[in-house]
Amino acid sequence: MKQLLLVRHGLPDEGHALQPGDPPLHAKGHAQARTLALRRLAFEPIDRIVCSPQQRALDTAAPLARLLGLEIEVIDGLAECDRHTSRYRSPDTIRREEPHRWAEFLASPPRFLGIDPDAFRQTVLDTFAALLADARGSTIAVFSHGMPIKTLVAHAMRMPGTDTFSLDHCSVTRVVGASLDDARVRTLNESTP
């Protein structure tokens, strides 16, 4: 049985002048990532680190990778549904800028961003199925984003959608299982003090 430690990235630098579509972490996000690595994940038996290709996730994974001396494996299927947008916008920004479309965003963030929600969901679930089936690693730190993590959690809990809960920046959600079909959520949205 594997344990996946699903980590939502730290606070991104929304509005970053040089990388508006794929921003790095904000200074507060870097502090969150260091705290997460030192106070929470350093004590876990992590033997593999995988990560979304997006900068905010890579920046969040970096302190733990340095601390444990592990490489970060980039996996495209862990990317957020906003991956190909020209400007990153947090949900709060979307709500502020487009209040008339807020219900549409909540109903389906992928569709709101121009992505086929069924294709996104299938890509995410296929990625997690492959991680669970892979012989490498028994405790894997998975650095990703809200929608991919919520997609796996909703699948494991047999929930119809992902709009019933939220995840904090640098939170940890634990999922265990030998396959996607028997994946179980152990904890949801653990925050680091």
Protein backbone atom coordinates (compact mmCIF):
# COMPACT_ATOMS: atom_id res chain seq x y z
CA MET A 1 0.00 0.00 0.00
CA LYS A 2 1.27 3.46 -0.88
CA GLN A 3 0.82 6.73 0.91
CA LEU A 4 0.50 9.89 -1.17
CA LEU A 5 1.15 13.14 0.66
CA LEU A 6 -0.70 15.59 -1.56
CA VAL A 7 0.64 19.11 -1.11
CA ARG A 8 -1.07 22.17 -2.53
CA HIS A 9 1.53 24.75 -3.56
CA GLY A 10 2.37 27.80 -1.46
CA LEU A 11 1.01 31.29 -2.08
CA PRO A 12 1.94 32.33 -5.64
CA ASP A 13 3.14 35.79 -6.67
CA GLU A 14 -0.07 36.69 -8.46
CA GLY A 15 0.59 39.43 -11.00
CA HIS A 16 4.30 38.57 -11.35
CA ALA A 17 5.61 40.89 -14.09
CA LEU A 18 7.89 38.37 -15.83
CA GLN A 19 5.81 35.20 -15.42
CA PRO A 20 2.14 36.23 -15.25
CA GLY A 21 0.84 32.88 -16.51
CA ASP A 22 3.14 30.67 -14.45
CA PRO A 23 4.19 32.71 -11.42
CA PRO A 24 6.77 31.69 -8.85
CA LEU A 25 5.91 31.74 -5.18
CA HIS A 26 5.38 35.01 -3.35
CA ALA A 27 7.83 35.65 -0.46
CA LYS A 28 5.10 34.41 1.90
CA GLY A 29 4.75 31.27 -0.25
CA HIS A 30 8.49 30.58 0.00
CA ALA A 31 8.23 30.88 3.79
CA GLN A 32 5.25 28.49 3.76
CA ALA A 33 7.24 25.96 1.69
CA ARG A 34 10.24 26.11 4.04
CA THR A 35 8.02 25.70 7.10
CA LEU A 36 6.20 22.78 5.49
CA ALA A 37 9.49 21.02 4.72
CA LEU A 38 11.07 21.60 8.13
CA ARG A 39 8.09 21.25 10.48
CA ARG A 40 5.90 18.67 8.82
CA LEU A 41 7.37 16.70 5.93
CA ALA A 42 10.92 16.24 7.27
CA PHE A 43 9.52 13.67 9.72
CA GLU A 44 7.71 11.58 7.11
CA PRO A 45 9.30 8.48 5.51
CA ILE A 46 9.26 10.12 2.05
CA ASP A 47 11.21 8.20 -0.58
CA ARG A 48 10.02 9.97 -3.72
CA ILE A 49 9.02 13.51 -4.70
CA VAL A 50 6.83 14.20 -7.74
CA CYS A 51 5.59 17.57 -8.89
CA SER A 52 3.49 19.51 -11.33
CA PRO A 53 5.51 21.31 -14.03
CA GLN A 54 4.17 24.68 -12.88
CA GLN A 55 6.58 27.04 -11.13
CA ARG A 56 4.56 27.56 -7.96
CA ALA A 57 4.53 23.80 -7.32
CA LEU A 58 8.22 23.39 -8.17
CA ASP A 59 9.12 26.23 -5.79
CA THR A 60 7.06 24.56 -3.05
CA ALA A 61 8.80 21.20 -3.56
CA ALA A 62 12.34 22.61 -3.65
CA PRO A 63 12.98 23.01 0.13
CA LEU A 64 11.93 19.42 0.85
CA ALA A 65 13.98 18.06 -2.06
CA ARG A 66 17.07 19.88 -0.76
CA LEU A 67 16.43 18.72 2.81
CA LEU A 68 15.97 15.06 1.86
CA GLY A 69 18.48 14.98 -1.00
CA LEU A 70 15.83 13.71 -3.42
CA GLU A 71 15.24 14.71 -7.02
CA ILE A 72 11.97 16.30 -8.06
CA GLU A 73 10.25 14.26 -10.77
CA VAL A 74 8.04 16.46 -12.95
CA ILE A 75 4.75 14.89 -14.06
CA ASP A 76 2.54 16.80 -16.50
CA GLY A 77 -0.66 15.15 -15.25
CA LEU A 78 -0.30 16.95 -11.90
CA ALA A 79 -0.70 20.39 -13.53
CA GLU A 80 -3.56 22.72 -12.67
CA CYS A 81 -6.35 23.39 -15.15
CA ASP A 82 -5.04 26.97 -15.53
CA ARG A 83 -1.72 25.76 -16.93
CA HIS A 84 -2.08 27.36 -20.35
CA THR A 85 -3.68 30.65 -19.36
CA SER A 86 -1.81 33.87 -20.04
CA ARG A 87 -2.36 35.20 -16.51
CA TYR A 88 -2.68 33.30 -13.23
CA ARG A 89 -5.69 34.38 -11.18
CA SER A 90 -6.56 33.06 -7.75
CA PRO A 91 -10.18 32.14 -7.08
CA ASP A 92 -10.51 35.33 -5.00
CA THR A 93 -9.33 37.40 -7.96
CA ILE A 94 -11.73 35.63 -10.32
CA ARG A 95 -14.60 36.31 -7.92
CA ARG A 96 -13.62 39.98 -7.63
CA GLU A 97 -13.03 40.54 -11.37
CA GLU A 98 -15.92 38.47 -12.72
CA PRO A 99 -18.61 38.22 -10.03
CA HIS A 100 -21.23 37.51 -12.71
CA ARG A 101 -19.32 34.31 -13.63
CA TRP A 102 -18.50 33.14 -10.09
CA ALA A 103 -21.17 30.41 -10.06
CA GLU A 104 -19.82 29.18 -13.41
CA PHE A 105 -16.30 29.00 -11.96
CA LEU A 106 -17.50 27.10 -8.88
CA ALA A 107 -19.47 24.63 -10.99
CA SER A 108 -16.42 23.72 -13.10
CA PRO A 109 -13.09 25.56 -12.91
CA PRO A 110 -11.74 23.60 -15.92
CA ARG A 111 -14.74 24.53 -18.08
CA PHE A 112 -14.52 28.16 -16.91
CA LEU A 113 -10.89 28.17 -18.09
CA GLY A 114 -11.72 26.61 -21.45
CA ILE A 115 -10.66 23.05 -20.60
CA ASP A 116 -12.79 19.94 -21.10
CA PRO A 117 -13.60 18.94 -17.48
CA ASP A 118 -13.97 15.24 -18.28
CA ALA A 119 -10.61 15.12 -20.08
CA PHE A 120 -8.95 17.02 -17.21
CA ARG A 121 -10.45 14.66 -14.62
CA GLN A 122 -9.37 11.58 -16.59
CA THR A 123 -5.81 12.87 -17.02
CA VAL A 124 -5.56 13.56 -13.28
CA LEU A 125 -6.98 10.17 -12.28
CA ASP A 126 -4.76 8.35 -14.80
CA THR A 127 -1.74 10.14 -13.31
CA PHE A 128 -2.64 9.14 -9.76
CA ALA A 129 -3.42 5.57 -10.87
CA ALA A 130 0.07 5.36 -12.39
CA LEU A 131 1.67 6.69 -9.19
CA LEU A 132 -0.15 4.11 -7.09
CA ALA A 133 0.75 1.28 -9.49
CA ASP A 134 4.43 2.27 -9.82
CA ALA A 135 6.76 0.09 -7.73
CA ARG A 136 8.97 3.07 -6.87
CA GLY A 137 8.36 4.65 -3.50
CA SER A 138 6.02 3.78 -0.66
CA THR A 139 5.51 7.32 0.66
CA ILE A 140 5.42 9.89 -2.11
CA ALA A 141 5.26 13.65 -1.66
CA VAL A 142 3.07 14.95 -4.49
CA PHE A 143 3.31 18.70 -5.08
CA SER A 144 0.35 19.89 -7.08
CA HIS A 145 -2.65 22.22 -7.07
CA GLY A 146 -6.17 22.52 -5.78
CA MET A 147 -8.07 20.93 -8.67
CA PRO A 148 -5.89 17.84 -9.18
CA ILE A 149 -5.86 17.13 -5.43
CA LYS A 150 -9.60 17.75 -5.10
CA THR A 151 -10.22 15.51 -8.11
CA LEU A 152 -8.46 12.56 -6.44
CA VAL A 153 -10.12 13.24 -3.08
CA ALA A 154 -13.58 13.43 -4.69
CA HIS A 155 -12.90 10.14 -6.51
CA ALA A 156 -11.65 8.39 -3.35
CA MET A 157 -14.60 9.64 -1.29
CA ARG A 158 -17.11 8.90 -4.07
CA MET A 159 -18.18 12.55 -4.15
CA PRO A 160 -19.91 13.92 -7.24
CA GLY A 161 -17.90 17.15 -7.44
CA THR A 162 -15.00 19.14 -6.08
CA ASP A 163 -16.77 22.31 -4.98
CA THR A 164 -17.67 21.16 -1.46
CA PHE A 165 -14.28 21.78 0.15
CA SER A 166 -11.22 23.96 -0.23
CA LEU A 167 -7.51 23.45 0.38
CA ASP A 168 -5.13 25.87 2.06
CA HIS A 169 -1.79 26.81 0.56
CA CYS A 170 0.89 24.30 1.62
CA SER A 171 -1.70 21.99 3.13
CA VAL A 172 -1.18 18.22 3.16
CA THR A 173 -3.88 15.70 2.25
CA ARG A 174 -3.06 12.02 2.84
CA VAL A 175 -4.37 9.35 0.49
CA VAL A 176 -3.46 5.68 0.86
CA GLY A 177 -4.09 2.70 -1.36
CA ALA A 178 -2.65 0.11 -3.70
CA SER A 179 -4.73 1.29 -6.65
CA LEU A 180 -7.08 4.07 -7.64
CA ASP A 181 -10.07 1.84 -6.89
CA ASP A 182 -9.12 1.33 -3.24
CA ALA A 183 -7.66 4.80 -2.58
CA ARG A 184 -8.79 6.20 0.77
CA VAL A 185 -8.44 9.67 2.23
CA ARG A 186 -6.73 9.53 5.63
CA THR A 187 -6.56 13.28 6.26
CA LEU A 188 -7.72 16.38 4.42
CA ASN A 189 -6.14 19.83 4.37
CA GLU A 190 -3.61 19.43 7.22
CA SER A 191 -2.08 22.83 7.87
CA THR A 192 1.39 23.51 9.19
CA PRO A 193 1.52 25.77 12.27
